[in-house]
Protein backbone atom coordinates (compact mmCIF):
# COMPACT_ATOMS: atom_id res chain seq x y z
CA MET A 1 0.03 -0.13 -0.09
CA LYS A 2 3.03 2.25 0.36
CA ARG A 3 3.64 4.60 -2.51
CA THR A 4 5.73 7.69 -3.24
CA VAL A 5 3.60 10.68 -2.78
CA LYS A 6 4.15 14.33 -2.81
CA LEU A 7 3.29 15.86 0.59
CA PRO A 8 2.59 19.59 1.53
CA ALA A 9 5.68 21.61 1.64
CA ASP A 10 4.37 25.03 2.46
CA ASP A 11 6.73 27.78 3.28
CA ARG A 12 6.76 29.20 6.88
CA ARG A 13 6.17 32.62 5.95
CA ASN A 14 2.40 32.83 6.21
CA GLY A 15 1.56 36.08 7.96
CA TRP A 16 -1.98 35.16 9.12
CA TYR A 17 -0.48 32.01 11.00
CA GLU A 18 2.65 33.61 12.27
CA ILE A 19 1.20 36.47 14.09
CA LEU A 20 -1.21 34.18 16.03
CA PRO A 21 -0.07 33.27 19.65
CA ALA A 22 2.10 30.22 19.85
CA GLN A 23 0.13 26.98 19.54
CA PRO A 24 0.44 23.97 21.88
CA GLU A 25 2.54 21.12 20.59
CA SER A 26 0.87 18.87 17.97
CA GLN A 27 -0.38 15.44 18.64
CA PRO A 28 0.62 13.31 15.68
CA LEU A 29 -0.84 9.85 15.51
CA VAL A 30 1.63 7.04 16.54
CA GLY A 31 0.97 3.53 15.68
CA ASP A 32 -2.25 1.61 14.45
CA ALA A 33 -5.71 2.92 15.06
CA THR A 34 -9.37 2.31 14.30
CA THR A 35 -12.14 4.72 13.80
CA ASP A 36 -15.73 4.81 12.49
CA TRP A 37 -15.06 7.92 10.35
CA LEU A 38 -11.75 9.21 8.91
CA VAL A 39 -11.45 12.52 7.33
CA ILE A 40 -8.10 13.40 5.59
CA GLY A 41 -7.26 17.04 5.16
CA GLY A 42 -7.80 19.60 7.77
CA GLY A 43 -8.79 22.61 5.47
CA PHE A 44 -12.20 24.12 5.07
CA VAL A 45 -13.71 20.88 3.47
CA GLY A 46 -12.24 18.58 6.21
CA MET A 47 -12.88 20.75 9.13
CA ALA A 48 -16.58 21.19 8.19
CA ALA A 49 -16.94 17.46 7.42
CA THR A 50 -15.43 16.42 10.69
CA ARG A 51 -17.71 18.67 12.85
CA ARG A 52 -20.85 17.71 10.94
CA LEU A 53 -20.06 13.98 11.12
CA ALA A 54 -19.63 14.21 14.80
CA GLU A 55 -22.84 16.13 15.07
CA LEU A 56 -24.78 13.63 13.13
CA ASN A 57 -23.12 10.50 14.59
CA PRO A 58 -22.66 11.24 18.23
CA ASN A 59 -22.06 7.64 19.15
CA ASP A 60 -19.27 7.22 16.56
CA SER A 61 -15.57 8.08 16.65
CA VAL A 62 -14.51 10.70 14.16
CA MET A 63 -10.83 11.14 13.29
CA LEU A 64 -9.28 14.01 11.30
CA LEU A 65 -5.68 13.94 9.95
CA ASP A 66 -3.61 16.68 8.43
CA ALA A 67 -0.01 16.51 7.09
CA GLN A 68 0.75 19.79 8.61
CA ARG A 69 -0.53 22.07 11.39
CA ILE A 70 -4.23 23.21 10.98
CA ALA A 71 -4.20 26.68 9.37
CA HIS A 72 -0.64 26.30 8.09
CA GLY A 73 -1.78 25.13 4.69
CA THR A 74 -3.95 26.61 2.04
CA SER A 75 -7.08 27.20 4.39
CA GLY A 76 -4.84 29.66 6.37
CA ARG A 77 -3.19 31.27 3.35
CA ASN A 78 -6.12 32.93 1.65
CA SER A 79 -6.88 36.59 1.80
CA GLY A 80 -9.70 36.37 4.27
CA PHE A 81 -12.77 36.70 2.12
CA VAL A 82 -15.94 34.60 2.68
CA ILE A 83 -17.70 35.44 -0.64
CA ASP A 84 -21.28 35.02 -1.32
CA LEU A 85 -21.26 36.40 -4.85
CA PRO A 86 -18.65 34.40 -6.95
CA HIS A 87 -16.93 36.81 -9.27
CA LYS A 88 -15.44 34.21 -11.62
CA GLY A 89 -17.08 31.62 -13.93
CA ASP A 90 -19.88 30.54 -11.42
CA LEU A 91 -21.91 33.57 -12.54
CA GLU A 92 -21.24 33.21 -16.25
CA GLY A 93 -23.71 31.53 -18.61
CA PRO A 94 -27.38 31.91 -19.26
CA ASP A 95 -28.86 29.51 -16.55
CA ILE A 96 -30.08 31.79 -13.75
CA GLU A 97 -31.28 29.09 -11.47
CA ARG A 98 -27.71 27.48 -11.48
CA LYS A 99 -26.25 30.70 -10.50
CA LYS A 100 -28.64 31.17 -7.68
CA LYS A 101 -27.73 27.66 -6.50
CA PHE A 102 -24.15 28.88 -6.19
CA ILE A 103 -25.18 31.82 -4.27
CA GLY A 104 -27.45 30.05 -2.03
CA LEU A 105 -24.84 27.42 -1.29
CA ASN A 106 -22.17 30.18 -0.37
CA ARG A 107 -24.71 32.09 1.92
CA ALA A 108 -25.53 28.74 3.66
CA ALA A 109 -21.87 28.43 4.41
CA ILE A 110 -21.55 32.10 5.61
CA ARG A 111 -24.62 31.50 7.92
CA TRP A 112 -23.19 28.19 9.42
CA LEU A 113 -19.66 29.76 9.95
CA GLU A 114 -21.07 32.74 11.65
CA GLN A 115 -23.10 30.57 13.90
CA LEU A 116 -20.12 28.72 14.86
CA VAL A 117 -18.01 31.73 15.45
CA THR A 118 -20.71 33.45 17.51
CA ASP A 119 -21.59 30.30 19.65
CA ASN A 120 -17.93 29.45 20.18
CA ASN A 121 -16.61 33.00 20.68
CA ILE A 122 -14.01 32.49 18.07
CA ASP A 123 -11.73 35.54 17.73
CA CYS A 124 -10.97 35.87 14.04
CA GLN A 125 -11.97 39.41 13.03
CA TRP A 126 -15.25 38.10 11.68
CA SER A 127 -16.75 41.18 9.84
CA HIS A 128 -19.77 42.04 7.69
CA ALA A 129 -17.74 44.53 5.79
CA GLY A 130 -18.61 43.55 2.22
CA LYS A 131 -16.47 43.47 -0.61
CA LEU A 132 -15.02 46.01 -3.11
CA GLN A 133 -14.08 45.00 -6.55
CA GLY A 134 -11.66 47.81 -8.07
CA ALA A 135 -10.78 48.82 -11.48
CA VAL A 136 -7.59 50.71 -12.31
CA SER A 137 -7.92 50.96 -16.10
CA GLU A 138 -10.61 50.89 -18.79
CA ARG A 139 -10.03 47.18 -19.08
CA GLY A 140 -11.06 46.81 -15.43
CA VAL A 141 -13.97 49.15 -15.82
CA LYS A 142 -15.40 47.01 -18.61
CA PHE A 143 -15.17 43.82 -16.16
CA LEU A 144 -16.86 45.81 -13.56
CA GLN A 145 -19.74 46.85 -15.89
CA HIS A 146 -20.05 43.27 -16.84
CA PHE A 147 -20.19 42.06 -13.33
CA GLN A 148 -22.83 44.78 -12.42
CA PHE A 149 -24.94 43.57 -15.34
CA LEU A 150 -24.67 39.97 -14.02
CA LEU A 151 -25.76 41.27 -10.61
CA LYS A 152 -28.76 43.07 -11.91
CA GLU A 153 -29.84 40.01 -13.96
CA LEU A 154 -29.78 38.16 -10.65
CA GLY A 155 -31.61 40.91 -8.56
CA GLU A 156 -28.55 41.24 -6.44
CA PRO A 157 -27.55 44.63 -4.98
CA GLY A 158 -24.31 46.33 -6.01
CA GLN A 159 -23.27 49.91 -5.55
CA MET A 160 -20.72 51.58 -8.08
CA LEU A 161 -18.24 53.92 -6.32
CA ASP A 162 -16.34 56.44 -8.28
CA GLY A 163 -12.53 57.07 -7.51
CA ALA A 164 -13.19 60.06 -5.04
CA ALA A 165 -15.78 57.94 -3.02
CA LEU A 166 -13.48 55.06 -3.12
CA LYS A 167 -10.44 57.01 -1.86
CA GLN A 168 -12.27 58.04 1.33
CA LYS A 169 -12.54 54.12 1.97
CA ILE A 170 -9.20 52.69 0.95
CA GLY A 171 -7.02 55.93 1.11
CA SER A 172 -5.81 55.76 -2.42
CA ASP A 173 -6.66 57.45 -5.68
CA TYR A 174 -5.15 54.58 -7.73
CA TYR A 175 -8.38 53.25 -8.92
CA GLN A 176 -10.93 54.71 -11.34
CA GLN A 177 -14.03 53.06 -9.65
CA ALA A 178 -15.10 50.01 -7.56
CA LEU A 179 -18.24 48.11 -7.17
CA TYR A 180 -19.24 47.32 -3.65
CA THR A 181 -21.43 44.16 -2.80
CA PRO A 182 -22.54 43.97 0.97
CA GLY A 183 -22.72 40.22 1.59
CA CYS A 184 -19.12 39.20 1.76
CA ILE A 185 -17.49 38.44 5.09
CA LEU A 186 -13.92 39.49 6.08
CA MET A 187 -12.01 37.47 8.67
CA GLN A 188 -8.55 36.21 9.65
CA PRO A 189 -8.45 32.77 8.07
CA ALA A 190 -5.79 31.12 10.22
CA ALA A 191 -7.51 32.30 13.45
CA LEU A 192 -10.93 31.01 12.10
CA MET A 193 -9.34 27.59 11.45
CA ARG A 194 -7.45 27.36 14.69
CA GLY A 195 -10.89 28.39 16.51
CA LEU A 196 -12.77 25.80 14.72
CA LEU A 197 -10.28 23.23 15.62
CA ALA A 198 -10.39 24.02 19.25
CA THR A 199 -14.18 23.74 19.31
CA LEU A 200 -14.74 20.48 17.60
CA PRO A 201 -17.47 18.06 19.27
CA ASP A 202 -16.03 15.69 21.89
CA ASN A 203 -16.26 12.54 19.75
CA ALA A 204 -13.87 14.08 17.17
CA VAL A 205 -10.14 14.01 17.42
CA CYS A 206 -7.61 15.69 15.16
CA HIS A 207 -4.01 14.58 14.66
CA GLU A 208 -1.88 17.11 12.94
CA ASP A 209 1.60 16.44 11.47
CA THR A 210 0.25 13.05 10.19
CA PRO A 211 0.72 12.69 6.42
CA VAL A 212 -1.22 10.00 4.66
CA LEU A 213 0.86 7.86 2.29
CA GLY A 214 -1.77 5.80 0.78
CA LEU A 215 -5.25 4.09 1.20
CA GLU A 216 -6.96 0.90 0.06
CA GLN A 217 -10.12 -1.02 0.67
CA ARG A 218 -10.17 -4.52 2.17
CA ASN A 219 -12.95 -6.57 3.11
CA GLY A 220 -15.38 -3.58 3.08
CA LEU A 221 -12.99 -1.34 5.46
CA TRP A 222 -10.65 1.40 4.35
CA ARG A 223 -7.00 0.94 5.43
CA VAL A 224 -5.04 4.20 5.43
CA GLN A 225 -1.25 4.10 5.70
CA THR A 226 0.54 6.93 7.74
CA LYS A 227 4.18 7.12 8.44
CA THR A 228 3.86 5.21 11.85
CA GLY A 229 1.14 2.76 11.06
CA VAL A 230 -2.24 1.94 9.59
CA ILE A 231 -5.75 3.31 10.36
CA THR A 232 -8.74 1.28 9.80
CA ALA A 233 -12.06 3.14 9.12
CA LYS A 234 -15.62 2.22 7.93
CA LYS A 235 -15.92 5.48 5.79
CA VAL A 236 -13.37 7.91 4.59
CA LEU A 237 -13.87 11.57 3.47
CA LEU A 238 -11.23 13.36 1.60
CA GLY A 239 -10.68 17.13 1.94
CA THR A 240 -7.17 16.81 0.21
CA ASN A 241 -8.00 19.01 -2.94
CA ILE A 242 -4.72 18.73 -5.27
CA PHE A 243 -3.34 16.04 -2.98
CA THR A 244 -6.30 13.74 -4.00
CA GLU A 245 -4.36 12.70 -7.07
CA GLN A 246 -1.34 11.69 -4.84
CA LEU A 247 -3.81 8.97 -3.44
CA GLY A 248 -4.31 7.70 -6.93
CA LEU A 249 -7.83 9.47 -7.42
CA LEU A 250 -9.06 11.97 -9.87
CA LYS A 251 -5.39 11.90 -11.53
CA SER A 252 -4.97 14.44 -14.44
CA ARG A 253 -7.93 16.52 -13.61
CA MET A 254 -6.62 19.28 -11.63
CA LEU A 255 -4.24 22.18 -11.96
CA PRO A 256 -2.15 23.22 -9.03
CA ILE A 257 -1.78 27.04 -9.07
CA MET A 258 0.04 28.94 -6.27
CA THR A 259 -1.02 32.56 -5.41
CA PHE A 260 1.23 34.87 -3.26
CA ALA A 261 0.60 37.50 -0.75
CA SER A 262 2.50 39.83 1.49
CA MET A 263 1.78 41.42 4.81
CA THR A 264 2.94 44.49 6.46
CA ARG A 265 3.39 45.33 10.09
CA PRO A 266 0.64 47.23 11.80
CA LEU A 267 0.57 50.92 10.85
CA SER A 268 1.55 53.40 13.53
CA ASP A 269 -0.75 56.13 14.42
CA ALA A 270 1.07 58.64 12.16
CA GLU A 271 1.23 56.19 9.34
CA PHE A 272 -2.68 55.49 9.62
CA LYS A 273 -3.16 59.25 9.39
CA ALA A 274 -1.00 59.52 6.35
CA PHE A 275 -2.72 56.43 4.94
CA GLY A 276 -6.00 58.44 5.10
CA GLY A 277 -8.49 55.46 4.67
CA SER A 278 -10.54 53.28 6.95
CA ASP A 279 -9.64 49.95 8.53
CA ASP A 280 -11.43 46.63 7.98
CA TRP A 281 -12.04 46.36 4.18
CA GLY A 282 -11.20 44.15 1.37
CA LEU A 283 -10.80 44.84 -2.35
CA THR A 284 -10.53 42.12 -5.12
CA PRO A 285 -9.61 43.09 -8.64
CA ALA A 286 -12.13 43.59 -11.43
CA ASP A 287 -9.78 41.67 -13.69
CA TYR A 288 -9.03 38.31 -11.79
CA ALA A 289 -5.27 38.56 -12.51
CA GLY A 290 -4.89 41.95 -10.97
CA THR A 291 -4.18 42.79 -7.08
CA THR A 292 -6.14 41.93 -3.97
CA LEU A 293 -5.82 44.20 -0.99
CA ARG A 294 -6.92 43.66 2.52
CA PHE A 295 -6.66 46.19 5.32
CA THR A 296 -7.30 44.54 8.69
CA ARG A 297 -8.78 45.74 11.97
CA ASP A 298 -5.22 45.67 13.41
CA ARG A 299 -4.00 48.04 10.73
CA ARG A 300 -2.05 45.54 8.50
CA MET A 301 -2.13 45.81 4.74
CA VAL A 302 -2.16 42.52 2.77
CA VAL A 303 -1.17 42.62 -0.89
CA ARG A 304 -1.94 39.48 -3.18
CA ASN A 305 -1.00 39.09 -6.83
CA GLN A 306 1.26 36.78 -9.06
CA TYR A 307 0.08 33.47 -10.00
CA ARG A 308 2.46 30.25 -10.83
CA PHE A 309 1.93 26.82 -11.86
CA VAL A 310 3.43 24.64 -9.27
CA PRO A 311 3.57 20.78 -10.19
CA ASP A 312 5.58 20.34 -6.92
CA TYR A 313 3.03 22.22 -4.80
CA SER A 314 5.68 24.60 -3.50
CA SER A 315 7.82 27.60 -4.06
CA SER A 316 11.47 28.52 -3.42
CA ASP A 317 12.87 31.27 -1.25
CA ALA A 318 14.22 32.97 -4.39
CA GLU A 319 10.84 32.95 -5.99
CA ARG A 320 9.08 34.60 -2.86
CA ALA A 321 11.90 37.12 -2.75
CA ARG A 322 11.05 38.25 -6.38
CA ILE A 323 7.55 38.36 -5.66
CA HIS A 324 7.97 40.27 -2.58
CA ASP A 325 9.68 43.01 -4.59
CA GLN A 326 6.69 42.87 -7.14
CA HIS A 327 4.32 43.36 -4.04
CA ARG A 328 6.43 46.20 -2.87
CA GLN A 329 5.90 47.90 -6.37
CA ALA A 330 2.10 47.32 -6.18
CA LEU A 331 1.87 48.77 -2.76
CA GLU A 332 3.97 51.85 -3.44
CA ALA A 333 2.08 52.53 -6.59
CA ARG A 334 -1.15 52.64 -4.53
CA TYR A 335 0.22 54.16 -1.45
CA PRO A 336 3.33 56.26 -2.06
CA GLN A 337 2.91 57.80 1.39
CA LEU A 338 3.63 54.36 2.91
CA ALA A 339 6.84 53.83 0.87
CA GLN A 340 8.72 52.96 4.08
CA LEU A 341 6.14 50.51 5.43
CA PRO A 342 7.88 47.12 5.32
CA PHE A 343 6.39 43.71 4.56
CA GLU A 344 6.79 41.23 7.53
CA TYR A 345 5.74 38.23 5.67
CA THR A 346 5.60 36.85 2.03
CA TRP A 347 3.99 33.55 1.35
CA GLY A 348 2.29 31.18 -1.37
CA GLY A 349 -0.57 28.99 -1.04
CA VAL A 350 -1.99 26.40 -3.49
CA CYS A 351 -5.34 26.60 -5.09
CA THR A 352 -6.72 23.98 -7.53
CA LEU A 353 -8.29 24.71 -10.75
CA SER A 354 -10.01 22.62 -13.48
CA SER A 355 -9.91 23.36 -17.23
CA ASN A 356 -13.78 23.20 -17.30
CA TYR A 357 -14.32 25.23 -14.24
CA THR A 358 -16.04 22.11 -12.49
CA SER A 359 -15.74 20.91 -8.82
CA PHE A 360 -15.98 17.35 -7.81
CA PHE A 361 -18.23 16.51 -5.04
CA GLY A 362 -19.67 13.04 -3.91
CA GLU A 363 -18.80 9.42 -3.51
CA LEU A 364 -15.71 8.33 -5.38
CA LYS A 365 -15.93 4.55 -4.30
CA PRO A 366 -18.16 2.70 -1.94
CA GLY A 367 -17.56 4.37 1.44
CA LEU A 368 -15.09 6.97 0.14
CA TYR A 369 -16.09 10.52 -0.42
CA ALA A 370 -14.36 13.63 -1.72
CA SER A 371 -15.02 17.30 -2.34
CA CYS A 372 -12.28 19.12 -4.25
CA CYS A 373 -11.19 21.57 -7.00
CA HIS A 374 -12.95 24.75 -5.89
CA ASN A 375 -11.46 26.98 -8.42
CA GLY A 376 -10.05 29.66 -6.13
CA VAL A 377 -13.23 30.31 -4.12
CA GLY A 378 -12.79 27.60 -1.43
CA VAL A 379 -13.71 29.15 1.93
CA ALA A 380 -17.52 29.23 1.27
CA ARG A 381 -17.57 26.45 -1.22
CA GLY A 382 -15.19 24.34 0.77
CA THR A 383 -17.12 24.75 4.07
CA ILE A 384 -20.46 24.12 2.75
CA SER A 385 -19.39 21.09 0.44
CA GLY A 386 -17.58 19.62 3.58
CA LYS A 387 -20.74 19.95 5.71
CA LEU A 388 -22.96 18.60 2.93
CA LEU A 389 -20.51 15.58 2.20
CA ALA A 390 -20.84 14.52 5.75
CA GLU A 391 -24.65 14.64 5.56
CA GLN A 392 -24.53 12.67 2.26
CA ALA A 393 -22.23 10.05 3.80
CA SER A 394 -24.40 9.83 6.82
CA GLY A 395 -27.46 9.01 4.59
CA GLY A 396 -29.08 12.39 4.78
CA ASP A 397 -30.93 14.42 2.09
CA SER A 398 -31.77 18.16 1.62
CA LEU A 399 -32.48 20.53 -0.98
CA LEU A 400 -28.95 22.10 -0.38
CA LEU A 401 -27.51 18.69 -0.94
CA ARG A 402 -29.19 18.34 -4.12
CA ASP A 403 -28.24 21.73 -5.21
CA MET A 404 -24.55 20.95 -4.59
CA GLN A 405 -24.80 17.61 -6.53
CA GLN A 406 -26.41 19.62 -9.38
CA VAL A 407 -23.68 22.32 -9.68
CA SER A 408 -20.81 19.78 -9.24
CA GLY A 409 -19.46 17.30 -11.75
CA MET A 410 -16.19 15.74 -13.08
CA PRO A 411 -13.20 18.02 -13.71
CA ALA A 412 -11.99 17.51 -17.34
CA ARG A 413 -8.89 15.60 -18.15
CA ILE A 414 -5.75 17.73 -18.66
CA PRO A 415 -2.74 16.98 -20.85
CA PRO A 416 0.24 15.21 -19.53
CA GLN A 417 3.70 16.74 -18.74
CA PRO A 418 5.63 18.54 -20.24
CA PHE A 419 2.82 19.69 -22.45
CA LEU A 420 0.75 20.62 -19.41
CA GLY A 421 3.35 22.91 -17.89
CA ILE A 422 4.13 24.62 -21.15
CA GLY A 423 0.57 25.33 -21.90
CA VAL A 424 -0.39 26.61 -18.32
CA LYS A 425 2.70 28.76 -18.10
CA ALA A 426 2.06 30.37 -21.59
CA ARG A 427 -1.52 31.17 -20.60
CA LEU A 428 -0.55 32.57 -17.24
CA LYS A 429 2.01 34.81 -18.98
CA MET A 430 -0.49 36.02 -21.36
CA ALA A 431 -3.08 36.74 -18.65
CA GLU A 432 -0.33 38.62 -16.74
CA TRP A 433 0.40 40.59 -19.74
CA ALA A 434 -3.26 41.37 -20.54
CA SER A 435 -3.83 42.40 -17.02
CA ARG A 436 -0.56 44.37 -16.41
CA SER A 437 -2.61 47.68 -16.09
CA GLU A 438 -4.52 46.23 -13.20
CA VAL A 439 -1.72 44.80 -11.14
């Protein structure tokens, strides 16, 4: 059952994670174990699935494994938006009812997460701040106008702000205009994930720093190989995203793309006054290859742009140093008054895309379930899909579950290497060139 697999190798420069208080030592699993339910991968899918399984099956044992610390991987590396209105492919096309299903699923995730944050007093800067989508050039303005048209078609609210009104909010006159939508939540992603971990039900246990090397089914039970032993489980749920293919499943169907962010230290009172905007806001680019900005309640600026194809799921120190300099240019172009404000952290995080913009959800084999490939909108989609996956595996049914099944499918096959790498890198370069005015 042992096989060579690529394991997570994330850098240790994730600002969201590093600014949290020191965590207790992890408790890796040592030796063999048996459990009723096993969840592999402790991101948004796996964390939601673990909690929901434990709620629905209070007399069963539920085990969660993660190869790293919770929130050290992709779930703690995003920009902290829980988006209700997808701004990418999910809102394209003529099928209005399908689009409403996506929105309904995202909003169900927000409601559930908010209830968990409130009931458990999770300190993660949870905020109903909404989301700005900003346009720098005429190219960006056209994207904004198209998105506004899609919102009107769906009967969704959206307020267009001109450059002057936007400057009062974000302290920069770099943008021509922005579209504000009120339903997005802002939060500190690593703090949210650590809070969810700390408040799991009593019949759920998490073993961090416990990578999985393989799995197979024998006599109706699943046997999962770790570095130290074998776990036997009745049913297994995968929240492993791109690493699903390392387990021999959904191979050649997902593209690992790494996005990068940098975080400053907190602004001083004098710097905040020179900044001239407000705190607690988030701006995504009108053109998806542009620059995302977050300004947090504790006065840190986060800048995210740059995309790379990463077949090894990792980045080098040299690559992050180059990207740090590009983030520096993006920050100073928008805020020349903050030219001396240093970045404390620069990190990368892997997201998973499919060529047909389709996510997988459901049963892969008898007793083996997965949700993966969320195409860059994983906080809400990952959370609700993990919850619904647990409900499906537990024999449940609901309108939301049927909606999830209807909007999911099979990611299309992708070409083998080296053709894949050549094609993806060329396409990313073309997108970067076309979007250069928005970066």
